Amino acid sequence: MHICTVVGNLWATQKEASLTGLPLLVVRPFTSGTEQTAETMVAVDTQGARLGERVLVVHGRAARHAIGRGHDIGFQTAIVAIVDSMELEGGRRVGQTAAEDSKIGTY
């Protein structure tokens, strides 16, 4: 499982038949510091996430289950939740988007 930020949309006019009708988003793993990773992944969006939102991404069997098309689907990464907020070590609160972080503050 990863907490990620949605950084883009992906459109494919030609794809494996089991992916027909599934929205695909480009996500980047969340880091707790100020650095950003260049690593990105593509995930099936089961929740209607938008650009900039933080999401919970699962892989493998959990992703295939969330996508809901059985084990014969040609994809193993899915967004299963949109993060409202989270609290990190030291009381740092993180919001649904980076822009909301400063509004939340700390306890």
PDB file of N, CA and C in Angstrom:
ATOM      1  N   MET A   1       0.836  -1.175   0.000  1.00  0.00           N
ATOM      2  CA  MET A   1       0.000   0.000   0.000  1.00  0.00           C
ATOM      3  C   MET A   1       0.882   1.239   0.000  1.00  0.00           C
ATOM      4  N   HIS A   2       0.454   2.262  -0.700  1.00  0.00           N
ATOM      5  CA  HIS A   2       1.166   3.531  -0.743  1.00  0.00           C
ATOM      6  C   HIS A   2       0.176   4.688  -0.571  1.00  0.00           C
ATOM      7  N   ILE A   3       0.629   5.744   0.078  1.00  0.00           N
ATOM      8  CA  ILE A   3      -0.058   7.023  -0.008  1.00  0.00           C
ATOM      9  C   ILE A   3       0.592   7.731  -1.187  1.00  0.00           C
ATOM     10  N   CYS A   4      -0.211   8.224  -2.108  1.00  0.00           N
ATOM     11  CA  CYS A   4       0.306   8.867  -3.307  1.00  0.00           C
ATOM     12  C   CYS A   4      -0.421  10.177  -3.563  1.00  0.00           C
ATOM     13  N   THR A   5       0.135  10.980  -4.443  1.00  0.00           N
ATOM     14  CA  THR A   5      -0.505  12.195  -4.928  1.00  0.00           C
ATOM     15  C   THR A   5      -0.802  12.001  -6.405  1.00  0.00           C
ATOM     16  N   VAL A   6      -2.019  12.350  -6.817  1.00  0.00           N
ATOM     17  CA  VAL A   6      -2.378  12.263  -8.233  1.00  0.00           C
ATOM     18  C   VAL A   6      -1.662  13.390  -8.966  1.00  0.00           C
ATOM     19  N   VAL A   7      -0.835  13.031  -9.945  1.00  0.00           N
ATOM     20  CA  VAL A   7      -0.051  14.032 -10.674  1.00  0.00           C
ATOM     21  C   VAL A   7      -0.417  14.116 -12.148  1.00  0.00           C
ATOM     22  N   GLY A   8      -1.341  13.284 -12.611  1.00  0.00           N
ATOM     23  CA  GLY A   8      -1.725  13.361 -14.018  1.00  0.00           C
ATOM     24  C   GLY A   8      -2.796  12.369 -14.406  1.00  0.00           C
ATOM     25  N   ASN A   9      -3.313  12.574 -15.591  1.00  0.00           N
ATOM     26  CA  ASN A   9      -4.284  11.663 -16.198  1.00  0.00           C
ATOM     27  C   ASN A   9      -3.581  10.877 -17.291  1.00  0.00           C
ATOM     28  N   LEU A  10      -4.125   9.715 -17.609  1.00  0.00           N
ATOM     29  CA  LEU A  10      -3.574   8.905 -18.685  1.00  0.00           C
ATOM     30  C   LEU A  10      -4.729   8.444 -19.558  1.00  0.00           C
ATOM     31  N   TRP A  11      -4.599   8.661 -20.867  1.00  0.00           N
ATOM     32  CA  TRP A  11      -5.591   8.184 -21.808  1.00  0.00           C
ATOM     33  C   TRP A  11      -4.913   7.215 -22.754  1.00  0.00           C
ATOM     34  N   ALA A  12      -5.593   6.129 -23.072  1.00  0.00           N
ATOM     35  CA  ALA A  12      -5.046   5.147 -24.008  1.00  0.00           C
ATOM     36  C   ALA A  12      -6.168   4.699 -24.941  1.00  0.00           C
ATOM     37  N   THR A  13      -6.020   4.978 -26.221  1.00  0.00           N
ATOM     38  CA  THR A  13      -7.055   4.577 -27.169  1.00  0.00           C
ATOM     39  C   THR A  13      -6.987   3.092 -27.473  1.00  0.00           C
ATOM     40  N   GLN A  14      -5.829   2.501 -27.295  1.00  0.00           N
ATOM     41  CA  GLN A  14      -5.688   1.062 -27.478  1.00  0.00           C
ATOM     42  C   GLN A  14      -5.155   0.476 -26.186  1.00  0.00           C
ATOM     43  N   LYS A  15      -5.908  -0.465 -25.624  1.00  0.00           N
ATOM     44  CA  LYS A  15      -5.469  -1.114 -24.391  1.00  0.00           C
ATOM     45  C   LYS A  15      -6.068  -2.502 -24.293  1.00  0.00           C
ATOM     46  N   GLU A  16      -5.573  -3.286 -23.374  1.00  0.00           N
ATOM     47  CA  GLU A  16      -6.059  -4.633 -23.127  1.00  0.00           C
ATOM     48  C   GLU A  16      -7.557  -4.557 -22.860  1.00  0.00           C
ATOM     49  N   ALA A  17      -8.316  -5.482 -23.410  1.00  0.00           N
ATOM     50  CA  ALA A  17      -9.779  -5.437 -23.353  1.00  0.00           C
ATOM     51  C   ALA A  17     -10.341  -5.356 -21.932  1.00  0.00           C
ATOM     52  N   SER A  18      -9.687  -5.991 -20.952  1.00  0.00           N
ATOM     53  CA  SER A  18     -10.207  -5.966 -19.574  1.00  0.00           C
ATOM     54  C   SER A  18     -10.109  -4.579 -18.937  1.00  0.00           C
ATOM     55  N   LEU A  19      -9.373  -3.658 -19.574  1.00  0.00           N
ATOM     56  CA  LEU A  19      -9.231  -2.301 -19.044  1.00  0.00           C
ATOM     57  C   LEU A  19     -10.219  -1.314 -19.661  1.00  0.00           C
ATOM     58  N   THR A  20     -11.043  -1.763 -20.583  1.00  0.00           N
ATOM     59  CA  THR A  20     -12.006  -0.889 -21.245  1.00  0.00           C
ATOM     60  C   THR A  20     -12.914  -0.223 -20.217  1.00  0.00           C
ATOM     61  N   GLY A  21     -13.017   1.095 -20.320  1.00  0.00           N
ATOM     62  CA  GLY A  21     -13.910   1.860 -19.442  1.00  0.00           C
ATOM     63  C   GLY A  21     -13.332   2.223 -18.088  1.00  0.00           C
ATOM     64  N   LEU A  22     -12.098   1.816 -17.810  1.00  0.00           N
ATOM     65  CA  LEU A  22     -11.501   2.122 -16.514  1.00  0.00           C
ATOM     66  C   LEU A  22     -10.677   3.402 -16.598  1.00  0.00           C
ATOM     67  N   PRO A  23     -10.910   4.370 -15.692  1.00  0.00           N
ATOM     68  CA  PRO A  23     -10.097   5.594 -15.685  1.00  0.00           C
ATOM     69  C   PRO A  23      -8.711   5.311 -15.115  1.00  0.00           C
ATOM     70  N   LEU A  24      -7.692   5.846 -15.761  1.00  0.00           N
ATOM     71  CA  LEU A  24      -6.309   5.641 -15.333  1.00  0.00           C
ATOM     72  C   LEU A  24      -5.706   6.975 -14.916  1.00  0.00           C
ATOM     73  N   LEU A  25      -5.029   6.991 -13.773  1.00  0.00           N
ATOM     74  CA  LEU A  25      -4.366   8.193 -13.274  1.00  0.00           C
ATOM     75  C   LEU A  25      -2.897   7.921 -13.022  1.00  0.00           C
ATOM     76  N   VAL A  26      -2.081   8.945 -13.177  1.00  0.00           N
ATOM     77  CA  VAL A  26      -0.659   8.868 -12.856  1.00  0.00           C
ATOM     78  C   VAL A  26      -0.513   9.357 -11.420  1.00  0.00           C
ATOM     79  N   VAL A  27       0.133   8.552 -10.573  1.00  0.00           N
ATOM     80  CA  VAL A  27       0.306   8.904  -9.159  1.00  0.00           C
ATOM     81  C   VAL A  27       1.774   8.852  -8.786  1.00  0.00           C
ATOM     82  N   ARG A  28       2.146   9.662  -7.799  1.00  0.00           N
ATOM     83  CA  ARG A  28       3.523   9.713  -7.297  1.00  0.00           C
ATOM     84  C   ARG A  28       3.481   9.415  -5.800  1.00  0.00           C
ATOM     85  N   PRO A  29       4.322   8.508  -5.311  1.00  0.00           N
ATOM     86  CA  PRO A  29       4.348   8.215  -3.873  1.00  0.00           C
ATOM     87  C   PRO A  29       4.583   9.474  -3.039  1.00  0.00           C
ATOM     88  N   PHE A  30       3.847   9.599  -1.945  1.00  0.00           N
ATOM     89  CA  PHE A  30       3.970  10.713  -1.010  1.00  0.00           C
ATOM     90  C   PHE A  30       5.243  10.533  -0.192  1.00  0.00           C
ATOM     91  N   THR A  31       5.984  11.614   0.009  1.00  0.00           N
ATOM     92  CA  THR A  31       7.132  11.594   0.915  1.00  0.00           C
ATOM     93  C   THR A  31       6.841  12.560   2.048  1.00  0.00           C
ATOM     94  N   SER A  32       7.294  12.233   3.244  1.00  0.00           N
ATOM     95  CA  SER A  32       6.964  13.057   4.413  1.00  0.00           C
ATOM     96  C   SER A  32       7.808  14.317   4.510  1.00  0.00           C
ATOM     97  N   GLY A  33       8.882  14.389   3.740  1.00  0.00           N
ATOM     98  CA  GLY A  33       9.729  15.582   3.751  1.00  0.00           C
ATOM     99  C   GLY A  33       9.352  16.532   2.630  1.00  0.00           C
ATOM    100  N   THR A  34      10.235  17.440   2.342  1.00  0.00           N
ATOM    101  CA  THR A  34       9.976  18.407   1.283  1.00  0.00           C
ATOM    102  C   THR A  34      10.453  17.904  -0.076  1.00  0.00           C
ATOM    103  N   GLU A  35      11.239  16.817  -0.085  1.00  0.00           N
ATOM    104  CA  GLU A  35      11.733  16.278  -1.341  1.00  0.00           C
ATOM    105  C   GLU A  35      10.596  15.580  -2.098  1.00  0.00           C
ATOM    106  N   GLN A  36      10.716  15.513  -3.405  1.00  0.00           N
ATOM    107  CA  GLN A  36       9.771  14.784  -4.228  1.00  0.00           C
ATOM    108  C   GLN A  36      10.513  13.689  -4.967  1.00  0.00           C
ATOM    109  N   THR A  37       9.863  12.585  -5.144  1.00  0.00           N
ATOM    110  CA  THR A  37      10.442  11.500  -5.901  1.00  0.00           C
ATOM    111  C   THR A  37      10.014  11.621  -7.358  1.00  0.00           C
ATOM    112  N   ALA A  38      10.842  11.182  -8.268  1.00  0.00           N
ATOM    113  CA  ALA A  38      10.492  11.195  -9.686  1.00  0.00           C
ATOM    114  C   ALA A  38       9.704   9.953 -10.062  1.00  0.00           C
ATOM    115  N   GLU A  39       9.652   8.981  -9.153  1.00  0.00           N
ATOM    116  CA  GLU A  39       8.957   7.730  -9.414  1.00  0.00           C
ATOM    117  C   GLU A  39       7.461   7.985  -9.569  1.00  0.00           C
ATOM    118  N   THR A  40       6.871   7.447 -10.614  1.00  0.00           N
ATOM    119  CA  THR A  40       5.425   7.527 -10.788  1.00  0.00           C
ATOM    120  C   THR A  40       4.879   6.151 -11.119  1.00  0.00           C
ATOM    121  N   MET A  41       3.578   5.980 -10.915  1.00  0.00           N
ATOM    122  CA  MET A  41       2.873   4.742 -11.231  1.00  0.00           C
ATOM    123  C   MET A  41       1.566   5.116 -11.905  1.00  0.00           C
ATOM    124  N   VAL A  42       0.988   4.169 -12.594  1.00  0.00           N
ATOM    125  CA  VAL A  42      -0.349   4.339 -13.150  1.00  0.00           C
ATOM    126  C   VAL A  42      -1.276   3.457 -12.328  1.00  0.00           C
ATOM    127  N   ALA A  43      -2.419   4.013 -11.924  1.00  0.00           N
ATOM    128  CA  ALA A  43      -3.379   3.271 -11.115  1.00  0.00           C
ATOM    129  C   ALA A  43      -4.781   3.440 -11.683  1.00  0.00           C
ATOM    130  N   VAL A  44      -5.578   2.378 -11.611  1.00  0.00           N
ATOM    131  CA  VAL A  44      -6.992   2.474 -11.953  1.00  0.00           C
ATOM    132  C   VAL A  44      -7.670   3.274 -10.846  1.00  0.00           C
ATOM    133  N   ASP A  45      -8.474   4.247 -11.233  1.00  0.00           N
ATOM    134  CA  ASP A  45      -9.147   5.104 -10.257  1.00  0.00           C
ATOM    135  C   ASP A  45     -10.545   4.569  -9.975  1.00  0.00           C
ATOM    136  N   THR A  46     -10.741   3.984  -8.798  1.00  0.00           N
ATOM    137  CA  THR A  46     -12.059   3.468  -8.409  1.00  0.00           C
ATOM    138  C   THR A  46     -12.840   4.466  -7.554  1.00  0.00           C
ATOM    139  N   GLN A  47     -12.259   5.650  -7.275  1.00  0.00           N
ATOM    140  CA  GLN A  47     -12.874   6.582  -6.328  1.00  0.00           C
ATOM    141  C   GLN A  47     -13.194   7.962  -6.895  1.00  0.00           C
ATOM    142  N   GLY A  48     -12.824   8.254  -8.108  1.00  0.00           N
ATOM    143  CA  GLY A  48     -13.079   9.578  -8.670  1.00  0.00           C
ATOM    144  C   GLY A  48     -12.108  10.637  -8.180  1.00  0.00           C
ATOM    145  N   ALA A  49     -10.859  10.265  -8.019  1.00  0.00           N
ATOM    146  CA  ALA A  49      -9.834  11.192  -7.527  1.00  0.00           C
ATOM    147  C   ALA A  49      -9.540  12.269  -8.568  1.00  0.00           C
ATOM    148  N   ARG A  50      -9.057  13.409  -8.073  1.00  0.00           N
ATOM    149  CA  ARG A  50      -8.723  14.536  -8.947  1.00  0.00           C
ATOM    150  C   ARG A  50      -7.246  14.887  -8.819  1.00  0.00           C
ATOM    151  N   LEU A  51      -6.768  15.625  -9.791  1.00  0.00           N
ATOM    152  CA  LEU A  51      -5.386  16.065  -9.822  1.00  0.00           C
ATOM    153  C   LEU A  51      -5.021  16.779  -8.520  1.00  0.00           C
ATOM    154  N   GLY A  52      -3.897  16.409  -7.914  1.00  0.00           N
ATOM    155  CA  GLY A  52      -3.415  17.024  -6.688  1.00  0.00           C
ATOM    156  C   GLY A  52      -3.867  16.341  -5.414  1.00  0.00           C
ATOM    157  N   GLU A  53      -4.886  15.489  -5.482  1.00  0.00           N
ATOM    158  CA  GLU A  53      -5.373  14.831  -4.265  1.00  0.00           C
ATOM    159  C   GLU A  53      -4.446  13.704  -3.835  1.00  0.00           C
ATOM    160  N   ARG A  54      -4.412  13.492  -2.530  1.00  0.00           N
ATOM    161  CA  ARG A  54      -3.663  12.364  -1.976  1.00  0.00           C
ATOM    162  C   ARG A  54      -4.598  11.167  -1.891  1.00  0.00           C
ATOM    163  N   VAL A  55      -4.068  10.018  -2.269  1.00  0.00           N
ATOM    164  CA  VAL A  55      -4.887   8.820  -2.377  1.00  0.00           C
ATOM    165  C   VAL A  55      -4.167   7.614  -1.778  1.00  0.00           C
ATOM    166  N   LEU A  56      -4.945   6.601  -1.432  1.00  0.00           N
ATOM    167  CA  LEU A  56      -4.404   5.333  -0.959  1.00  0.00           C
ATOM    168  C   LEU A  56      -4.404   4.372  -2.145  1.00  0.00           C
ATOM    169  N   VAL A  57      -3.235   3.833  -2.465  1.00  0.00           N
ATOM    170  CA  VAL A  57      -3.070   2.953  -3.620  1.00  0.00           C
ATOM    171  C   VAL A  57      -2.702   1.556  -3.129  1.00  0.00           C
ATOM    172  N   VAL A  58      -3.392   0.543  -3.668  1.00  0.00           N
ATOM    173  CA  VAL A  58      -3.085  -0.853  -3.332  1.00  0.00           C
ATOM    174  C   VAL A  58      -2.609  -1.573  -4.586  1.00  0.00           C
ATOM    175  N   HIS A  59      -1.969  -2.709  -4.371  1.00  0.00           N
ATOM    176  CA  HIS A  59      -1.359  -3.459  -5.460  1.00  0.00           C
ATOM    177  C   HIS A  59      -1.798  -4.918  -5.408  1.00  0.00           C
ATOM    178  N   GLY A  60      -1.603  -5.615  -6.511  1.00  0.00           N
ATOM    179  CA  GLY A  60      -1.827  -7.055  -6.564  1.00  0.00           C
ATOM    180  C   GLY A  60      -3.272  -7.459  -6.386  1.00  0.00           C
ATOM    181  N   ARG A  61      -3.496  -8.498  -5.587  1.00  0.00           N
ATOM    182  CA  ARG A  61      -4.835  -9.053  -5.378  1.00  0.00           C
ATOM    183  C   ARG A  61      -5.801  -8.010  -4.835  1.00  0.00           C
ATOM    184  N   ALA A  62      -5.340  -7.178  -3.908  1.00  0.00           N
ATOM    185  CA  ALA A  62      -6.214  -6.138  -3.349  1.00  0.00           C
ATOM    186  C   ALA A  62      -6.674  -5.177  -4.443  1.00  0.00           C
ATOM    187  N   ALA A  63      -5.796  -4.841  -5.371  1.00  0.00           N
ATOM    188  CA  ALA A  63      -6.165  -3.940  -6.470  1.00  0.00           C
ATOM    189  C   ALA A  63      -7.161  -4.615  -7.411  1.00  0.00           C
ATOM    190  N   ARG A  64      -6.903  -5.848  -7.767  1.00  0.00           N
ATOM    191  CA  ARG A  64      -7.828  -6.561  -8.663  1.00  0.00           C
ATOM    192  C   ARG A  64      -9.199  -6.682  -8.022  1.00  0.00           C
ATOM    193  N   HIS A  65      -9.244  -6.918  -6.728  1.00  0.00           N
ATOM    194  CA  HIS A  65     -10.518  -6.998  -6.008  1.00  0.00           C
ATOM    195  C   HIS A  65     -11.239  -5.646  -6.046  1.00  0.00           C
ATOM    196  N   ALA A  66     -10.498  -4.561  -5.805  1.00  0.00           N
ATOM    197  CA  ALA A  66     -11.090  -3.218  -5.796  1.00  0.00           C
ATOM    198  C   ALA A  66     -11.612  -2.818  -7.171  1.00  0.00           C
ATOM    199  N   ILE A  67     -10.905  -3.224  -8.219  1.00  0.00           N
ATOM    200  CA  ILE A  67     -11.326  -2.904  -9.579  1.00  0.00           C
ATOM    201  C   ILE A  67     -12.621  -3.637  -9.913  1.00  0.00           C
ATOM    202  N   GLY A  68     -12.784  -4.835  -9.353  1.00  0.00           N
ATOM    203  CA  GLY A  68     -14.047  -5.558  -9.465  1.00  0.00           C
ATOM    204  C   GLY A  68     -14.277  -6.324 -10.751  1.00  0.00           C
ATOM    205  N   ARG A  69     -13.234  -6.690 -11.426  1.00  0.00           N
ATOM    206  CA  ARG A  69     -13.399  -7.446 -12.670  1.00  0.00           C
ATOM    207  C   ARG A  69     -12.726  -8.815 -12.592  1.00  0.00           C
ATOM    208  N   GLY A  70     -12.568  -9.321 -11.403  1.00  0.00           N
ATOM    209  CA  GLY A  70     -11.981 -10.640 -11.218  1.00  0.00           C
ATOM    210  C   GLY A  70     -10.478 -10.647 -11.364  1.00  0.00           C
ATOM    211  N   HIS A  71      -9.924 -11.837 -11.327  1.00  0.00           N
ATOM    212  CA  HIS A  71      -8.465 -11.995 -11.353  1.00  0.00           C
ATOM    213  C   HIS A  71      -7.887 -12.003 -12.760  1.00  0.00           C
ATOM    214  N   ASP A  72      -8.731 -11.944 -13.774  1.00  0.00           N
ATOM    215  CA  ASP A  72      -8.230 -11.988 -15.140  1.00  0.00           C
ATOM    216  C   ASP A  72      -7.938 -10.604 -15.714  1.00  0.00           C
ATOM    217  N   ILE A  73      -8.027  -9.581 -14.886  1.00  0.00           N
ATOM    218  CA  ILE A  73      -7.762  -8.219 -15.365  1.00  0.00           C
ATOM    219  C   ILE A  73      -6.260  -8.002 -15.524  1.00  0.00           C
ATOM    220  N   GLY A  74      -5.899  -7.235 -16.534  1.00  0.00           N
ATOM    221  CA  GLY A  74      -4.481  -6.993 -16.813  1.00  0.00           C
ATOM    222  C   GLY A  74      -3.922  -5.794 -16.073  1.00  0.00           C
ATOM    223  N   PHE A  75      -4.268  -5.642 -14.798  1.00  0.00           N
ATOM    224  CA  PHE A  75      -3.793  -4.488 -14.041  1.00  0.00           C
ATOM    225  C   PHE A  75      -3.718  -4.834 -12.568  1.00  0.00           C
ATOM    226  N   GLN A  76      -2.725  -4.311 -11.847  1.00  0.00           N
ATOM    227  CA  GLN A  76      -2.556  -4.669 -10.446  1.00  0.00           C
ATOM    228  C   GLN A  76      -2.311  -3.481  -9.535  1.00  0.00           C
ATOM    229  N   THR A  77      -2.776  -2.290  -9.910  1.00  0.00           N
ATOM    230  CA  THR A  77      -2.621  -1.105  -9.070  1.00  0.00           C
ATOM    231  C   THR A  77      -3.926  -0.331  -9.112  1.00  0.00           C
ATOM    232  N   ALA A  78      -4.473   0.024  -7.935  1.00  0.00           N
ATOM    233  CA  ALA A  78      -5.758   0.723  -7.900  1.00  0.00           C
ATOM    234  C   ALA A  78      -5.814   1.726  -6.754  1.00  0.00           C
ATOM    235  N   ILE A  79      -6.510   2.825  -7.007  1.00  0.00           N
ATOM    236  CA  ILE A  79      -6.799   3.814  -5.971  1.00  0.00           C
ATOM    237  C   ILE A  79      -8.047   3.338  -5.234  1.00  0.00           C
ATOM    238  N   VAL A  80      -7.939   3.173  -3.910  1.00  0.00           N
ATOM    239  CA  VAL A  80      -9.071   2.668  -3.135  1.00  0.00           C
ATOM    240  C   VAL A  80      -9.631   3.684  -2.146  1.00  0.00           C
ATOM    241  N   ALA A  81      -8.952   4.821  -1.970  1.00  0.00           N
ATOM    242  CA  ALA A  81      -9.449   5.847  -1.043  1.00  0.00           C
ATOM    243  C   ALA A  81      -8.827   7.190  -1.386  1.00  0.00           C
ATOM    244  N   ILE A  82      -9.578   8.254  -1.096  1.00  0.00           N
ATOM    245  CA  ILE A  82      -9.061   9.612  -1.178  1.00  0.00           C
ATOM    246  C   ILE A  82      -8.826  10.060   0.252  1.00  0.00           C
ATOM    247  N   VAL A  83      -7.607  10.483   0.555  1.00  0.00           N
ATOM    248  CA  VAL A  83      -7.211  10.844   1.919  1.00  0.00           C
ATOM    249  C   VAL A  83      -7.833  12.197   2.287  1.00  0.00           C
ATOM    250  N   ASP A  84      -8.542  12.256   3.408  1.00  0.00           N
ATOM    251  CA  ASP A  84      -9.049  13.537   3.917  1.00  0.00           C
ATOM    252  C   ASP A  84      -7.949  14.266   4.671  1.00  0.00           C
ATOM    253  N   SER A  85      -7.271  13.542   5.556  1.00  0.00           N
ATOM    254  CA  SER A  85      -6.129  14.090   6.278  1.00  0.00           C
ATOM    255  C   SER A  85      -5.406  12.928   6.946  1.00  0.00           C
ATOM    256  N   MET A  86      -4.181  13.200   7.359  1.00  0.00           N
ATOM    257  CA  MET A  86      -3.426  12.202   8.124  1.00  0.00           C
ATOM    258  C   MET A  86      -2.490  12.927   9.063  1.00  0.00           C
ATOM    259  N   GLU A  87      -2.165  12.262  10.146  1.00  0.00           N
ATOM    260  CA  GLU A  87      -1.247  12.829  11.124  1.00  0.00           C
ATOM    261  C   GLU A  87       0.029  12.012  11.105  1.00  0.00           C
ATOM    262  N   LEU A  88       1.150  12.699  10.964  1.00  0.00           N
ATOM    263  CA  LEU A  88       2.445  12.040  10.907  1.00  0.00           C
ATOM    264  C   LEU A  88       3.165  12.165  12.243  1.00  0.00           C
ATOM    265  N   GLU A  89       4.270  11.483  12.353  1.00  0.00           N
ATOM    266  CA  GLU A  89       5.113  11.542  13.539  1.00  0.00           C
ATOM    267  C   GLU A  89       5.397  12.999  13.901  1.00  0.00           C
ATOM    268  N   GLY A  90       5.354  13.304  15.169  1.00  0.00           N
ATOM    269  CA  GLY A  90       5.620  14.664  15.633  1.00  0.00           C
ATOM    270  C   GLY A  90       4.411  15.579  15.562  1.00  0.00           C
ATOM    271  N   GLY A  91       3.243  15.028  15.214  1.00  0.00           N
ATOM    272  CA  GLY A  91       2.023  15.823  15.176  1.00  0.00           C
ATOM    273  C   GLY A  91       1.774  16.575  13.891  1.00  0.00           C
ATOM    274  N   ARG A  92       2.638  16.413  12.888  1.00  0.00           N
ATOM    275  CA  ARG A  92       2.421  17.096  11.610  1.00  0.00           C
ATOM    276  C   ARG A  92       1.178  16.545  10.935  1.00  0.00           C
ATOM    277  N   ARG A  93       0.277  17.448  10.557  1.00  0.00           N
ATOM    278  CA  ARG A  93      -0.957  17.051   9.880  1.00  0.00           C
ATOM    279  C   ARG A  93      -0.826  17.325   8.390  1.00  0.00           C
ATOM    280  N   VAL A  94      -1.331  16.416   7.591  1.00  0.00           N
ATOM    281  CA  VAL A  94      -1.268  16.519   6.144  1.00  0.00           C
ATOM    282  C   VAL A  94      -2.692  16.459   5.613  1.00  0.00           C
ATOM    283  N   GLY A  95      -3.001  17.345   4.679  1.00  0.00           N
ATOM    284  CA  GLY A  95      -4.357  17.431   4.151  1.00  0.00           C
ATOM    285  C   GLY A  95      -4.579  16.628   2.888  1.00  0.00           C
ATOM    286  N   GLN A  96      -5.746  16.843   2.297  1.00  0.00           N
ATOM    287  CA  GLN A  96      -6.132  16.133   1.088  1.00  0.00           C
ATOM    288  C   GLN A  96      -5.271  16.525  -0.113  1.00  0.00           C
ATOM    289  N   THR A  97      -4.775  17.755  -0.106  1.00  0.00           N
ATOM    290  CA  THR A  97      -3.854  18.230  -1.141  1.00  0.00           C
ATOM    291  C   THR A  97      -2.723  18.993  -0.450  1.00  0.00           C
ATOM    292  N   ALA A  98      -1.634  19.237  -1.158  1.00  0.00           N
ATOM    293  CA  ALA A  98      -0.514  19.988  -0.579  1.00  0.00           C
ATOM    294  C   ALA A  98      -0.946  21.393  -0.180  1.00  0.00           C
ATOM    295  N   ALA A  99      -1.855  21.991  -0.932  1.00  0.00           N
ATOM    296  CA  ALA A  99      -2.325  23.342  -0.632  1.00  0.00           C
ATOM    297  C   ALA A  99      -3.073  23.410   0.699  1.00  0.00           C
ATOM    298  N   GLU A 100      -3.656  22.315   1.123  1.00  0.00           N
ATOM    299  CA  GLU A 100      -4.415  22.295   2.368  1.00  0.00           C
ATOM    300  C   GLU A 100      -3.547  22.031   3.591  1.00  0.00           C
ATOM    301  N   ASP A 101      -2.302  21.614   3.408  1.00  0.00           N
ATOM    302  CA  ASP A 101      -1.432  21.287   4.534  1.00  0.00           C
ATOM    303  C   ASP A 101      -1.287  22.468   5.498  1.00  0.00           C
ATOM    304  N   SER A 102      -1.057  23.651   4.983  1.00  0.00           N
ATOM    305  CA  SER A 102      -0.839  24.810   5.840  1.00  0.00           C
ATOM    306  C   SER A 102      -2.100  25.219   6.601  1.00  0.00           C
ATOM    307  N   LYS A 103      -3.269  24.870   6.088  1.00  0.00           N
ATOM    308  CA  LYS A 103      -4.532  25.215   6.745  1.00  0.00           C
ATOM    309  C   LYS A 103      -4.801  24.319   7.958  1.00  0.00           C
ATOM    310  N   ILE A 104      -4.242  23.098   7.928  1.00  0.00           N
ATOM    311  CA  ILE A 104      -4.518  22.132   8.989  1.00  0.00           C
ATOM    312  C   ILE A 104      -3.676  22.428  10.228  1.00  0.00           C
ATOM    313  N   GLY A 105      -2.391  22.720  10.050  1.00  0.00           N
ATOM    314  CA  GLY A 105      -1.520  22.987  11.193  1.00  0.00           C
ATOM    315  C   GLY A 105      -1.182  21.742  11.970  1.00  0.00           C
ATOM    316  N   THR A 106      -0.771  21.932  13.218  1.00  0.00           N
ATOM    317  CA  THR A 106      -0.421  20.817  14.098  1.00  0.00           C
ATOM    318  C   THR A 106      -1.228  20.925  15.371  1.00  0.00           C
ATOM    319  N   TYR A 107      -1.238  19.844  16.128  1.00  0.00           N
ATOM    320  CA  TYR A 107      -1.941  19.826  17.413  1.00  0.00           C
ATOM    321  C   TYR A 107      -1.055  20.361  18.491  1.00  0.00           C
TER     322      TYR A 107
END
